Amino acid sequence: MADNIKKLREDKNLLQKEVAAHIGLKPAHYNKIEKGLVEPSIDTLDKLATFYGLTIDNIVHLDAGVPTNVQMEDKSNAEQLRLIAQLNDKDKSTVMNIIDTMLTKQKFQEFFQQNVAQ
């Protein structure tokens, strides 16, 4: 990742001190990031990504590319469930909470239309 950060800077013909000033780091600290002596924080990566008009993934995987998005709508229901099952527990819980909320909203709307709107 250090090489990627350095390449981005060099491709823009910028000095380390210019990038460091823009993202709020001391030049010496930024230099250590480019040399791979210090891992950049997520906040620093976010500032670099914003500065270069990229995402953090683009910085981490500069030449390798970022994995393509998975489009759920063109998958069978079984395939969608398989993909959800691959998520970590926190993300699975988030997806299930979203589904529960949507189903509850739909049921409430149906109830409202059948009982109150008449």
PDB file of N, CA and C in Angstrom:
ATOM      1  N   MET A   1       0.826  -1.184   0.000  1.00  0.00           N
ATOM      2  CA  MET A   1       0.000   0.000   0.000  1.00  0.00           C
ATOM      3  C   MET A   1       0.878   1.258   0.000  1.00  0.00           C
ATOM      4  N   ALA A   2       2.004   1.191   0.664  1.00  0.00           N
ATOM      5  CA  ALA A   2       2.913   2.341   0.688  1.00  0.00           C
ATOM      6  C   ALA A   2       3.343   2.721  -0.729  1.00  0.00           C
ATOM      7  N   ASP A   3       3.631   1.700  -1.533  1.00  0.00           N
ATOM      8  CA  ASP A   3       4.028   1.966  -2.922  1.00  0.00           C
ATOM      9  C   ASP A   3       2.891   2.622  -3.704  1.00  0.00           C
ATOM     10  N   ASN A   4       1.664   2.190  -3.436  1.00  0.00           N
ATOM     11  CA  ASN A   4       0.505   2.776  -4.120  1.00  0.00           C
ATOM     12  C   ASN A   4       0.351   4.252  -3.762  1.00  0.00           C
ATOM     13  N   ILE A   5       0.516   4.560  -2.482  1.00  0.00           N
ATOM     14  CA  ILE A   5       0.383   5.947  -2.024  1.00  0.00           C
ATOM     15  C   ILE A   5       1.478   6.818  -2.659  1.00  0.00           C
ATOM     16  N   LYS A   6       2.677   6.267  -2.710  1.00  0.00           N
ATOM     17  CA  LYS A   6       3.780   7.005  -3.326  1.00  0.00           C
ATOM     18  C   LYS A   6       3.534   7.209  -4.820  1.00  0.00           C
ATOM     19  N   LYS A   7       3.055   6.161  -5.504  1.00  0.00           N
ATOM     20  CA  LYS A   7       2.800   6.255  -6.944  1.00  0.00           C
ATOM     21  C   LYS A   7       1.731   7.309  -7.236  1.00  0.00           C
ATOM     22  N   LEU A   8       0.685   7.347  -6.435  1.00  0.00           N
ATOM     23  CA  LEU A   8      -0.363   8.354  -6.640  1.00  0.00           C
ATOM     24  C   LEU A   8       0.214   9.761  -6.554  1.00  0.00           C
ATOM     25  N   ARG A   9       1.047   9.987  -5.552  1.00  0.00           N
ATOM     26  CA  ARG A   9       1.660  11.308  -5.377  1.00  0.00           C
ATOM     27  C   ARG A   9       2.562  11.647  -6.551  1.00  0.00           C
ATOM     28  N   GLU A  10       3.406  10.690  -6.919  1.00  0.00           N
ATOM     29  CA  GLU A  10       4.349  10.941  -8.009  1.00  0.00           C
ATOM     30  C   GLU A  10       3.629  11.157  -9.342  1.00  0.00           C
ATOM     31  N   ASP A  11       2.541  10.428  -9.569  1.00  0.00           N
ATOM     32  CA  ASP A  11       1.778  10.597 -10.812  1.00  0.00           C
ATOM     33  C   ASP A  11       1.194  11.999 -10.932  1.00  0.00           C
ATOM     34  N   LYS A  12       0.960  12.646  -9.800  1.00  0.00           N
ATOM     35  CA  LYS A  12       0.424  14.016  -9.795  1.00  0.00           C
ATOM     36  C   LYS A  12       1.538  15.060  -9.688  1.00  0.00           C
ATOM     37  N   ASN A  13       2.789  14.603  -9.690  1.00  0.00           N
ATOM     38  CA  ASN A  13       3.954  15.498  -9.561  1.00  0.00           C
ATOM     39  C   ASN A  13       3.861  16.371  -8.318  1.00  0.00           C
ATOM     40  N   LEU A  14       3.505  15.750  -7.210  1.00  0.00           N
ATOM     41  CA  LEU A  14       3.398  16.474  -5.942  1.00  0.00           C
ATOM     42  C   LEU A  14       4.550  16.096  -5.026  1.00  0.00           C
ATOM     43  N   LEU A  15       4.890  17.018  -4.148  1.00  0.00           N
ATOM     44  CA  LEU A  15       5.883  16.750  -3.114  1.00  0.00           C
ATOM     45  C   LEU A  15       5.193  16.117  -1.914  1.00  0.00           C
ATOM     46  N   GLN A  16       5.954  15.347  -1.150  1.00  0.00           N
ATOM     47  CA  GLN A  16       5.399  14.742   0.060  1.00  0.00           C
ATOM     48  C   GLN A  16       4.814  15.800   0.986  1.00  0.00           C
ATOM     49  N   LYS A  17       5.522  16.920   1.135  1.00  0.00           N
ATOM     50  CA  LYS A  17       5.057  17.950   2.062  1.00  0.00           C
ATOM     51  C   LYS A  17       3.748  18.577   1.597  1.00  0.00           C
ATOM     52  N   GLU A  18       3.509  18.597   0.280  1.00  0.00           N
ATOM     53  CA  GLU A  18       2.246  19.147  -0.233  1.00  0.00           C
ATOM     54  C   GLU A  18       1.072  18.240   0.130  1.00  0.00           C
ATOM     55  N   VAL A  19       1.256  16.940  -0.087  1.00  0.00           N
ATOM     56  CA  VAL A  19       0.196  15.993   0.246  1.00  0.00           C
ATOM     57  C   VAL A  19      -0.018  15.969   1.753  1.00  0.00           C
ATOM     58  N   ALA A  20       1.072  15.939   2.499  1.00  0.00           N
ATOM     59  CA  ALA A  20       0.983  15.914   3.960  1.00  0.00           C
ATOM     60  C   ALA A  20       0.204  17.117   4.475  1.00  0.00           C
ATOM     61  N   ALA A  21       0.485  18.288   3.956  1.00  0.00           N
ATOM     62  CA  ALA A  21      -0.215  19.500   4.394  1.00  0.00           C
ATOM     63  C   ALA A  21      -1.699  19.415   4.058  1.00  0.00           C
ATOM     64  N   HIS A  22      -2.006  18.897   2.899  1.00  0.00           N
ATOM     65  CA  HIS A  22      -3.415  18.830   2.481  1.00  0.00           C
ATOM     66  C   HIS A  22      -4.223  17.866   3.344  1.00  0.00           C
ATOM     67  N   ILE A  23      -3.617  16.758   3.768  1.00  0.00           N
ATOM     68  CA  ILE A  23      -4.369  15.784   4.552  1.00  0.00           C
ATOM     69  C   ILE A  23      -4.145  15.945   6.056  1.00  0.00           C
ATOM     70  N   GLY A  24      -3.381  16.950   6.446  1.00  0.00           N
ATOM     71  CA  GLY A  24      -3.228  17.273   7.860  1.00  0.00           C
ATOM     72  C   GLY A  24      -2.218  16.424   8.614  1.00  0.00           C
ATOM     73  N   LEU A  25      -1.159  15.999   7.933  1.00  0.00           N
ATOM     74  CA  LEU A  25      -0.101  15.238   8.598  1.00  0.00           C
ATOM     75  C   LEU A  25       1.202  16.019   8.563  1.00  0.00           C
ATOM     76  N   LYS A  26       2.074  15.701   9.481  1.00  0.00           N
ATOM     77  CA  LYS A  26       3.415  16.268   9.429  1.00  0.00           C
ATOM     78  C   LYS A  26       4.172  15.544   8.313  1.00  0.00           C
ATOM     79  N   PRO A  27       5.018  16.275   7.583  1.00  0.00           N
ATOM     80  CA  PRO A  27       5.754  15.650   6.481  1.00  0.00           C
ATOM     81  C   PRO A  27       6.545  14.408   6.883  1.00  0.00           C
ATOM     82  N   ALA A  28       7.127  14.426   8.059  1.00  0.00           N
ATOM     83  CA  ALA A  28       7.921  13.273   8.507  1.00  0.00           C
ATOM     84  C   ALA A  28       7.036  12.034   8.675  1.00  0.00           C
ATOM     85  N   HIS A  29       5.824  12.234   9.184  1.00  0.00           N
ATOM     86  CA  HIS A  29       4.900  11.112   9.364  1.00  0.00           C
ATOM     87  C   HIS A  29       4.440  10.586   7.998  1.00  0.00           C
ATOM     88  N   TYR A  30       4.129  11.503   7.090  1.00  0.00           N
ATOM     89  CA  TYR A  30       3.719  11.095   5.747  1.00  0.00           C
ATOM     90  C   TYR A  30       4.832  10.315   5.060  1.00  0.00           C
ATOM     91  N   ASN A  31       6.072  10.763   5.245  1.00  0.00           N
ATOM     92  CA  ASN A  31       7.229  10.079   4.670  1.00  0.00           C
ATOM     93  C   ASN A  31       7.309   8.637   5.168  1.00  0.00           C
ATOM     94  N   LYS A  32       7.033   8.426   6.447  1.00  0.00           N
ATOM     95  CA  LYS A  32       7.060   7.069   7.016  1.00  0.00           C
ATOM     96  C   LYS A  32       5.963   6.196   6.418  1.00  0.00           C
ATOM     97  N   ILE A  33       4.831   6.794   6.090  1.00  0.00           N
ATOM     98  CA  ILE A  33       3.748   6.044   5.447  1.00  0.00           C
ATOM     99  C   ILE A  33       4.194   5.574   4.069  1.00  0.00           C
ATOM    100  N   GLU A  34       4.781   6.477   3.296  1.00  0.00           N
ATOM    101  CA  GLU A  34       5.249   6.111   1.947  1.00  0.00           C
ATOM    102  C   GLU A  34       6.370   5.079   1.978  1.00  0.00           C
ATOM    103  N   LYS A  35       7.167   5.090   3.018  1.00  0.00           N
ATOM    104  CA  LYS A  35       8.249   4.114   3.139  1.00  0.00           C
ATOM    105  C   LYS A  35       7.765   2.785   3.720  1.00  0.00           C
ATOM    106  N   GLY A  36       6.512   2.746   4.161  1.00  0.00           N
ATOM    107  CA  GLY A  36       5.967   1.516   4.734  1.00  0.00           C
ATOM    108  C   GLY A  36       6.372   1.277   6.174  1.00  0.00           C
ATOM    109  N   LEU A  37       6.901   2.298   6.822  1.00  0.00           N
ATOM    110  CA  LEU A  37       7.308   2.168   8.215  1.00  0.00           C
ATOM    111  C   LEU A  37       6.129   2.341   9.172  1.00  0.00           C
ATOM    112  N   VAL A  38       5.103   3.024   8.691  1.00  0.00           N
ATOM    113  CA  VAL A  38       3.895   3.282   9.491  1.00  0.00           C
ATOM    114  C   VAL A  38       2.685   2.966   8.617  1.00  0.00           C
ATOM    115  N   GLU A  39       1.739   2.247   9.186  1.00  0.00           N
ATOM    116  CA  GLU A  39       0.488   1.978   8.468  1.00  0.00           C
ATOM    117  C   GLU A  39      -0.419   3.201   8.602  1.00  0.00           C
ATOM    118  N   PRO A  40      -0.991   3.664   7.505  1.00  0.00           N
ATOM    119  CA  PRO A  40      -1.903   4.807   7.610  1.00  0.00           C
ATOM    120  C   PRO A  40      -3.198   4.397   8.298  1.00  0.00           C
ATOM    121  N   SER A  41      -3.761   5.313   9.054  1.00  0.00           N
ATOM    122  CA  SER A  41      -5.049   5.053   9.697  1.00  0.00           C
ATOM    123  C   SER A  41      -6.152   5.089   8.636  1.00  0.00           C
ATOM    124  N   ILE A  42      -7.310   4.602   8.995  1.00  0.00           N
ATOM    125  CA  ILE A  42      -8.456   4.656   8.087  1.00  0.00           C
ATOM    126  C   ILE A  42      -8.772   6.114   7.767  1.00  0.00           C
ATOM    127  N   ASP A  43      -8.666   6.970   8.762  1.00  0.00           N
ATOM    128  CA  ASP A  43      -8.922   8.398   8.556  1.00  0.00           C
ATOM    129  C   ASP A  43      -7.940   8.981   7.534  1.00  0.00           C
ATOM    130  N   THR A  44      -6.683   8.617   7.653  1.00  0.00           N
ATOM    131  CA  THR A  44      -5.678   9.094   6.703  1.00  0.00           C
ATOM    132  C   THR A  44      -5.954   8.545   5.305  1.00  0.00           C
ATOM    133  N   LEU A  45      -6.295   7.262   5.216  1.00  0.00           N
ATOM    134  CA  LEU A  45      -6.630   6.685   3.917  1.00  0.00           C
ATOM    135  C   LEU A  45      -7.841   7.385   3.305  1.00  0.00           C
ATOM    136  N   ASP A  46      -8.817   7.695   4.135  1.00  0.00           N
ATOM    137  CA  ASP A  46     -10.010   8.392   3.651  1.00  0.00           C
ATOM    138  C   ASP A  46      -9.639   9.778   3.117  1.00  0.00           C
ATOM    139  N   LYS A  47      -8.773  10.479   3.828  1.00  0.00           N
ATOM    140  CA  LYS A  47      -8.345  11.802   3.368  1.00  0.00           C
ATOM    141  C   LYS A  47      -7.555  11.706   2.067  1.00  0.00           C
ATOM    142  N   LEU A  48      -6.699  10.693   1.961  1.00  0.00           N
ATOM    143  CA  LEU A  48      -5.953  10.493   0.718  1.00  0.00           C
ATOM    144  C   LEU A  48      -6.897  10.166  -0.432  1.00  0.00           C
ATOM    145  N   ALA A  49      -7.866   9.298  -0.170  1.00  0.00           N
ATOM    146  CA  ALA A  49      -8.823   8.923  -1.210  1.00  0.00           C
ATOM    147  C   ALA A  49      -9.603  10.146  -1.689  1.00  0.00           C
ATOM    148  N   THR A  50     -10.039  10.959  -0.759  1.00  0.00           N
ATOM    149  CA  THR A  50     -10.761  12.182  -1.117  1.00  0.00           C
ATOM    150  C   THR A  50      -9.865  13.116  -1.913  1.00  0.00           C
ATOM    151  N   PHE A  51      -8.639  13.273  -1.465  1.00  0.00           N
ATOM    152  CA  PHE A  51      -7.684  14.156  -2.129  1.00  0.00           C
ATOM    153  C   PHE A  51      -7.443  13.732  -3.590  1.00  0.00           C
ATOM    154  N   TYR A  52      -7.324  12.420  -3.813  1.00  0.00           N
ATOM    155  CA  TYR A  52      -7.045  11.923  -5.166  1.00  0.00           C
ATOM    156  C   TYR A  52      -8.311  11.588  -5.960  1.00  0.00           C
ATOM    157  N   GLY A  53      -9.466  11.760  -5.352  1.00  0.00           N
ATOM    158  CA  GLY A  53     -10.715  11.457  -6.042  1.00  0.00           C
ATOM    159  C   GLY A  53     -10.915   9.962  -6.252  1.00  0.00           C
ATOM    160  N   LEU A  54     -10.493   9.176  -5.281  1.00  0.00           N
ATOM    161  CA  LEU A  54     -10.582   7.719  -5.355  1.00  0.00           C
ATOM    162  C   LEU A  54     -11.323   7.187  -4.137  1.00  0.00           C
ATOM    163  N   THR A  55     -11.436   5.867  -4.063  1.00  0.00           N
ATOM    164  CA  THR A  55     -11.936   5.223  -2.856  1.00  0.00           C
ATOM    165  C   THR A  55     -10.746   4.614  -2.122  1.00  0.00           C
ATOM    166  N   ILE A  56     -10.952   4.238  -0.885  1.00  0.00           N
ATOM    167  CA  ILE A  56      -9.889   3.564  -0.132  1.00  0.00           C
ATOM    168  C   ILE A  56      -9.504   2.270  -0.839  1.00  0.00           C
ATOM    169  N   ASP A  57     -10.497   1.546  -1.364  1.00  0.00           N
ATOM    170  CA  ASP A  57     -10.197   0.318  -2.115  1.00  0.00           C
ATOM    171  C   ASP A  57      -9.279   0.589  -3.295  1.00  0.00           C
ATOM    172  N   ASN A  58      -9.507   1.704  -3.983  1.00  0.00           N
ATOM    173  CA  ASN A  58      -8.651   2.045  -5.122  1.00  0.00           C
ATOM    174  C   ASN A  58      -7.208   2.268  -4.678  1.00  0.00           C
ATOM    175  N   ILE A  59      -7.023   2.852  -3.505  1.00  0.00           N
ATOM    176  CA  ILE A  59      -5.665   3.085  -3.006  1.00  0.00           C
ATOM    177  C   ILE A  59      -5.017   1.760  -2.610  1.00  0.00           C
ATOM    178  N   VAL A  60      -5.754   0.919  -1.912  1.00  0.00           N
ATOM    179  CA  VAL A  60      -5.199  -0.357  -1.454  1.00  0.00           C
ATOM    180  C   VAL A  60      -4.900  -1.276  -2.629  1.00  0.00           C
ATOM    181  N   HIS A  61      -5.788  -1.307  -3.622  1.00  0.00           N
ATOM    182  CA  HIS A  61      -5.653  -2.205  -4.775  1.00  0.00           C
ATOM    183  C   HIS A  61      -5.416  -1.396  -6.047  1.00  0.00           C
ATOM    184  N   LEU A  62      -4.451  -0.528  -6.031  1.00  0.00           N
ATOM    185  CA  LEU A  62      -4.247   0.439  -7.103  1.00  0.00           C
ATOM    186  C   LEU A  62      -4.155  -0.199  -8.487  1.00  0.00           C
ATOM    187  N   ASP A  63      -3.286  -1.168  -8.680  1.00  0.00           N
ATOM    188  CA  ASP A  63      -3.116  -1.772  -9.995  1.00  0.00           C
ATOM    189  C   ASP A  63      -3.914  -3.060 -10.163  1.00  0.00           C
ATOM    190  N   ALA A  64      -4.291  -3.672  -9.050  1.00  0.00           N
ATOM    191  CA  ALA A  64      -5.004  -4.946  -9.127  1.00  0.00           C
ATOM    192  C   ALA A  64      -6.479  -4.746  -9.453  1.00  0.00           C
ATOM    193  N   GLY A  65      -6.994  -3.563  -9.216  1.00  0.00           N
ATOM    194  CA  GLY A  65      -8.411  -3.324  -9.446  1.00  0.00           C
ATOM    195  C   GLY A  65      -9.221  -3.764  -8.241  1.00  0.00           C
ATOM    196  N   VAL A  66     -10.405  -3.273  -8.188  1.00  0.00           N
ATOM    197  CA  VAL A  66     -11.314  -3.577  -7.089  1.00  0.00           C
ATOM    198  C   VAL A  66     -12.273  -4.653  -7.569  1.00  0.00           C
ATOM    199  N   PRO A  67     -12.618  -5.611  -6.707  1.00  0.00           N
ATOM    200  CA  PRO A  67     -13.581  -6.623  -7.129  1.00  0.00           C
ATOM    201  C   PRO A  67     -14.881  -5.973  -7.612  1.00  0.00           C
ATOM    202  N   THR A  68     -15.483  -6.590  -8.599  1.00  0.00           N
ATOM    203  CA  THR A  68     -16.725  -6.041  -9.135  1.00  0.00           C
ATOM    204  C   THR A  68     -17.864  -6.238  -8.141  1.00  0.00           C
ATOM    205  N   ASN A  69     -18.826  -5.350  -8.208  1.00  0.00           N
ATOM    206  CA  ASN A  69     -19.994  -5.462  -7.339  1.00  0.00           C
ATOM    207  C   ASN A  69     -20.812  -6.675  -7.735  1.00  0.00           C
ATOM    208  N   VAL A  70     -21.405  -7.312  -6.737  1.00  0.00           N
ATOM    209  CA  VAL A  70     -22.316  -8.423  -6.987  1.00  0.00           C
ATOM    210  C   VAL A  70     -23.711  -7.844  -7.116  1.00  0.00           C
ATOM    211  N   GLN A  71     -24.369  -8.114  -8.231  1.00  0.00           N
ATOM    212  CA  GLN A  71     -25.725  -7.630  -8.450  1.00  0.00           C
ATOM    213  C   GLN A  71     -26.704  -8.715  -8.011  1.00  0.00           C
ATOM    214  N   MET A  72     -27.434  -8.441  -6.943  1.00  0.00           N
ATOM    215  CA  MET A  72     -28.357  -9.427  -6.390  1.00  0.00           C
ATOM    216  C   MET A  72     -29.577  -9.642  -7.269  1.00  0.00           C
ATOM    217  N   GLU A  73     -30.015  -8.605  -8.010  1.00  0.00           N
ATOM    218  CA  GLU A  73     -31.277  -8.725  -8.739  1.00  0.00           C
ATOM    219  C   GLU A  73     -31.222  -9.725  -9.887  1.00  0.00           C
ATOM    220  N   ASP A  74     -30.051 -10.034 -10.382  1.00  0.00           N
ATOM    221  CA  ASP A  74     -29.994 -10.995 -11.479  1.00  0.00           C
ATOM    222  C   ASP A  74     -29.570 -12.384 -11.008  1.00  0.00           C
ATOM    223  N   LYS A  75     -29.759 -12.662  -9.741  1.00  0.00           N
ATOM    224  CA  LYS A  75     -29.443 -13.969  -9.168  1.00  0.00           C
ATOM    225  C   LYS A  75     -30.750 -14.650  -8.750  1.00  0.00           C
ATOM    226  N   SER A  76     -30.735 -15.971  -8.737  1.00  0.00           N
ATOM    227  CA  SER A  76     -31.896 -16.705  -8.237  1.00  0.00           C
ATOM    228  C   SER A  76     -32.012 -16.484  -6.734  1.00  0.00           C
ATOM    229  N   ASN A  77     -33.171 -16.789  -6.183  1.00  0.00           N
ATOM    230  CA  ASN A  77     -33.365 -16.625  -4.733  1.00  0.00           C
ATOM    231  C   ASN A  77     -32.368 -17.473  -3.953  1.00  0.00           C
ATOM    232  N   ALA A  78     -32.127 -18.693  -4.418  1.00  0.00           N
ATOM    233  CA  ALA A  78     -31.174 -19.566  -3.733  1.00  0.00           C
ATOM    234  C   ALA A  78     -29.772 -18.967  -3.764  1.00  0.00           C
ATOM    235  N   GLU A  79     -29.387 -18.387  -4.892  1.00  0.00           N
ATOM    236  CA  GLU A  79     -28.069 -17.767  -5.012  1.00  0.00           C
ATOM    237  C   GLU A  79     -27.971 -16.530  -4.119  1.00  0.00           C
ATOM    238  N   GLN A  80     -29.043 -15.767  -4.033  1.00  0.00           N
ATOM    239  CA  GLN A  80     -29.055 -14.593  -3.155  1.00  0.00           C
ATOM    240  C   GLN A  80     -28.857 -15.017  -1.701  1.00  0.00           C
ATOM    241  N   LEU A  81     -29.538 -16.074  -1.280  1.00  0.00           N
ATOM    242  CA  LEU A  81     -29.388 -16.570   0.091  1.00  0.00           C
ATOM    243  C   LEU A  81     -27.972 -17.082   0.338  1.00  0.00           C
ATOM    244  N   ARG A  82     -27.386 -17.741  -0.668  1.00  0.00           N
ATOM    245  CA  ARG A  82     -26.013 -18.227  -0.532  1.00  0.00           C
ATOM    246  C   ARG A  82     -25.041 -17.062  -0.340  1.00  0.00           C
ATOM    247  N   LEU A  83     -25.248 -15.982  -1.101  1.00  0.00           N
ATOM    248  CA  LEU A  83     -24.383 -14.806  -0.975  1.00  0.00           C
ATOM    249  C   LEU A  83     -24.544 -14.144   0.394  1.00  0.00           C
ATOM    250  N   ILE A  84     -25.770 -14.056   0.870  1.00  0.00           N
ATOM    251  CA  ILE A  84     -26.014 -13.480   2.200  1.00  0.00           C
ATOM    252  C   ILE A  84     -25.349 -14.331   3.272  1.00  0.00           C
ATOM    253  N   ALA A  85     -25.400 -15.659   3.111  1.00  0.00           N
ATOM    254  CA  ALA A  85     -24.797 -16.563   4.089  1.00  0.00           C
ATOM    255  C   ALA A  85     -23.283 -16.386   4.177  1.00  0.00           C
ATOM    256  N   GLN A  86     -22.654 -15.848   3.148  1.00  0.00           N
ATOM    257  CA  GLN A  86     -21.203 -15.638   3.153  1.00  0.00           C
ATOM    258  C   GLN A  86     -20.786 -14.412   3.954  1.00  0.00           C
ATOM    259  N   LEU A  87     -21.745 -13.565   4.303  1.00  0.00           N
ATOM    260  CA  LEU A  87     -21.427 -12.349   5.045  1.00  0.00           C
ATOM    261  C   LEU A  87     -21.013 -12.681   6.472  1.00  0.00           C
ATOM    262  N   ASN A  88     -20.287 -11.744   7.099  1.00  0.00           N
ATOM    263  CA  ASN A  88     -19.973 -11.935   8.512  1.00  0.00           C
ATOM    264  C   ASN A  88     -21.254 -11.743   9.330  1.00  0.00           C
ATOM    265  N   ASP A  89     -21.229 -12.161  10.587  1.00  0.00           N
ATOM    266  CA  ASP A  89     -22.441 -12.160  11.410  1.00  0.00           C
ATOM    267  C   ASP A  89     -23.079 -10.777  11.543  1.00  0.00           C
ATOM    268  N   LYS A  90     -22.267  -9.758  11.689  1.00  0.00           N
ATOM    269  CA  LYS A  90     -22.802  -8.399  11.837  1.00  0.00           C
ATOM    270  C   LYS A  90     -23.530  -7.964  10.569  1.00  0.00           C
ATOM    271  N   ASP A  91     -22.925  -8.217   9.409  1.00  0.00           N
ATOM    272  CA  ASP A  91     -23.550  -7.837   8.146  1.00  0.00           C
ATOM    273  C   ASP A  91     -24.812  -8.658   7.873  1.00  0.00           C
ATOM    274  N   LYS A  92     -24.773  -9.966   8.216  1.00  0.00           N
ATOM    275  CA  LYS A  92     -25.984 -10.793   8.066  1.00  0.00           C
ATOM    276  C   LYS A  92     -27.115 -10.221   8.904  1.00  0.00           C
ATOM    277  N   SER A  93     -26.792  -9.845  10.119  1.00  0.00           N
ATOM    278  CA  SER A  93     -27.803  -9.278  11.016  1.00  0.00           C
ATOM    279  C   SER A  93     -28.374  -7.985  10.436  1.00  0.00           C
ATOM    280  N   THR A  94     -27.513  -7.159   9.865  1.00  0.00           N
ATOM    281  CA  THR A  94     -27.958  -5.908   9.250  1.00  0.00           C
ATOM    282  C   THR A  94     -28.911  -6.182   8.094  1.00  0.00           C
ATOM    283  N   VAL A  95     -28.549  -7.137   7.229  1.00  0.00           N
ATOM    284  CA  VAL A  95     -29.412  -7.485   6.093  1.00  0.00           C
ATOM    285  C   VAL A  95     -30.759  -7.989   6.601  1.00  0.00           C
ATOM    286  N   MET A  96     -30.738  -8.855   7.601  1.00  0.00           N
ATOM    287  CA  MET A  96     -31.998  -9.403   8.129  1.00  0.00           C
ATOM    288  C   MET A  96     -32.842  -8.311   8.781  1.00  0.00           C
ATOM    289  N   ASN A  97     -32.218  -7.368   9.460  1.00  0.00           N
ATOM    290  CA  ASN A  97     -32.966  -6.251  10.045  1.00  0.00           C
ATOM    291  C   ASN A  97     -33.630  -5.401   8.965  1.00  0.00           C
ATOM    292  N   ILE A  98     -32.928  -5.181   7.872  1.00  0.00           N
ATOM    293  CA  ILE A  98     -33.500  -4.415   6.756  1.00  0.00           C
ATOM    294  C   ILE A  98     -34.705  -5.161   6.181  1.00  0.00           C
ATOM    295  N   ILE A  99     -34.549  -6.463   5.976  1.00  0.00           N
ATOM    296  CA  ILE A  99     -35.655  -7.262   5.439  1.00  0.00           C
ATOM    297  C   ILE A  99     -36.836  -7.240   6.401  1.00  0.00           C
ATOM    298  N   ASP A 100     -36.568  -7.429   7.690  1.00  0.00           N
ATOM    299  CA  ASP A 100     -37.646  -7.389   8.689  1.00  0.00           C
ATOM    300  C   ASP A 100     -38.372  -6.048   8.662  1.00  0.00           C
ATOM    301  N   THR A 101     -37.624  -4.971   8.576  1.00  0.00           N
ATOM    302  CA  THR A 101     -38.232  -3.636   8.544  1.00  0.00           C
ATOM    303  C   THR A 101     -39.103  -3.467   7.306  1.00  0.00           C
ATOM    304  N   MET A 102     -38.613  -3.923   6.177  1.00  0.00           N
ATOM    305  CA  MET A 102     -39.385  -3.798   4.939  1.00  0.00           C
ATOM    306  C   MET A 102     -40.663  -4.640   4.993  1.00  0.00           C
ATOM    307  N   LEU A 103     -40.557  -5.853   5.523  1.00  0.00           N
ATOM    308  CA  LEU A 103     -41.735  -6.706   5.629  1.00  0.00           C
ATOM    309  C   LEU A 103     -42.754  -6.123   6.602  1.00  0.00           C
ATOM    310  N   THR A 104     -42.289  -5.598   7.718  1.00  0.00           N
ATOM    311  CA  THR A 104     -43.188  -4.971   8.690  1.00  0.00           C
ATOM    312  C   THR A 104     -43.893  -3.777   8.069  1.00  0.00           C
ATOM    313  N   LYS A 105     -43.157  -2.976   7.334  1.00  0.00           N
ATOM    314  CA  LYS A 105     -43.753  -1.816   6.661  1.00  0.00           C
ATOM    315  C   LYS A 105     -44.813  -2.264   5.666  1.00  0.00           C
ATOM    316  N   GLN A 106     -44.508  -3.295   4.895  1.00  0.00           N
ATOM    317  CA  GLN A 106     -45.463  -3.802   3.908  1.00  0.00           C
ATOM    318  C   GLN A 106     -46.716  -4.330   4.595  1.00  0.00           C
ATOM    319  N   LYS A 107     -46.541  -5.094   5.673  1.00  0.00           N
ATOM    320  CA  LYS A 107     -47.695  -5.640   6.406  1.00  0.00           C
ATOM    321  C   LYS A 107     -48.536  -4.510   6.999  1.00  0.00           C
ATOM    322  N   PHE A 108     -47.881  -3.482   7.513  1.00  0.00           N
ATOM    323  CA  PHE A 108     -48.614  -2.351   8.078  1.00  0.00           C
ATOM    324  C   PHE A 108     -49.419  -1.645   6.993  1.00  0.00           C
ATOM    325  N   GLN A 109     -48.812  -1.455   5.828  1.00  0.00           N
ATOM    326  CA  GLN A 109     -49.521  -0.802   4.725  1.00  0.00           C
ATOM    327  C   GLN A 109     -50.727  -1.630   4.284  1.00  0.00           C
ATOM    328  N   GLU A 110     -50.556  -2.961   4.208  1.00  0.00           N
ATOM    329  CA  GLU A 110     -51.672  -3.830   3.838  1.00  0.00           C
ATOM    330  C   GLU A 110     -52.779  -3.749   4.878  1.00  0.00           C
ATOM    331  N   PHE A 111     -52.412  -3.793   6.158  1.00  0.00           N
ATOM    332  CA  PHE A 111     -53.392  -3.696   7.236  1.00  0.00           C
ATOM    333  C   PHE A 111     -54.141  -2.360   7.169  1.00  0.00           C
ATOM    334  N   PHE A 112     -53.379  -1.291   6.962  1.00  0.00           N
ATOM    335  CA  PHE A 112     -53.960   0.032   6.894  1.00  0.00           C
ATOM    336  C   PHE A 112     -54.960   0.125   5.736  1.00  0.00           C
ATOM    337  N   GLN A 113     -54.561  -0.387   4.574  1.00  0.00           N
ATOM    338  CA  GLN A 113     -55.449  -0.349   3.411  1.00  0.00           C
ATOM    339  C   GLN A 113     -56.704  -1.171   3.609  1.00  0.00           C
ATOM    340  N   GLN A 114     -56.603  -2.298   4.301  1.00  0.00           N
ATOM    341  CA  GLN A 114     -57.753  -3.172   4.484  1.00  0.00           C
ATOM    342  C   GLN A 114     -58.668  -2.705   5.616  1.00  0.00           C
ATOM    343  N   ASN A 115     -58.120  -2.094   6.641  1.00  0.00           N
ATOM    344  CA  ASN A 115     -58.913  -1.792   7.830  1.00  0.00           C
ATOM    345  C   ASN A 115     -59.196  -0.318   8.073  1.00  0.00           C
ATOM    346  N   VAL A 116     -58.320   0.522   7.696  1.00  0.00           N
ATOM    347  CA  VAL A 116     -58.484   1.933   8.019  1.00  0.00           C
ATOM    348  C   VAL A 116     -58.961   2.724   6.804  1.00  0.00           C
ATOM    349  N   ALA A 117     -58.443   2.420   5.656  1.00  0.00           N
ATOM    350  CA  ALA A 117     -58.764   3.199   4.459  1.00  0.00           C
ATOM    351  C   ALA A 117     -60.209   3.031   4.023  1.00  0.00           C
ATOM    352  N   GLN A 118     -60.864   1.946   4.451  1.00  0.00           N
ATOM    353  CA  GLN A 118     -62.249   1.712   4.050  1.00  0.00           C
ATOM    354  C   GLN A 118     -63.096   2.658   4.814  1.00  0.00           C
TER     355      GLN A 118
END
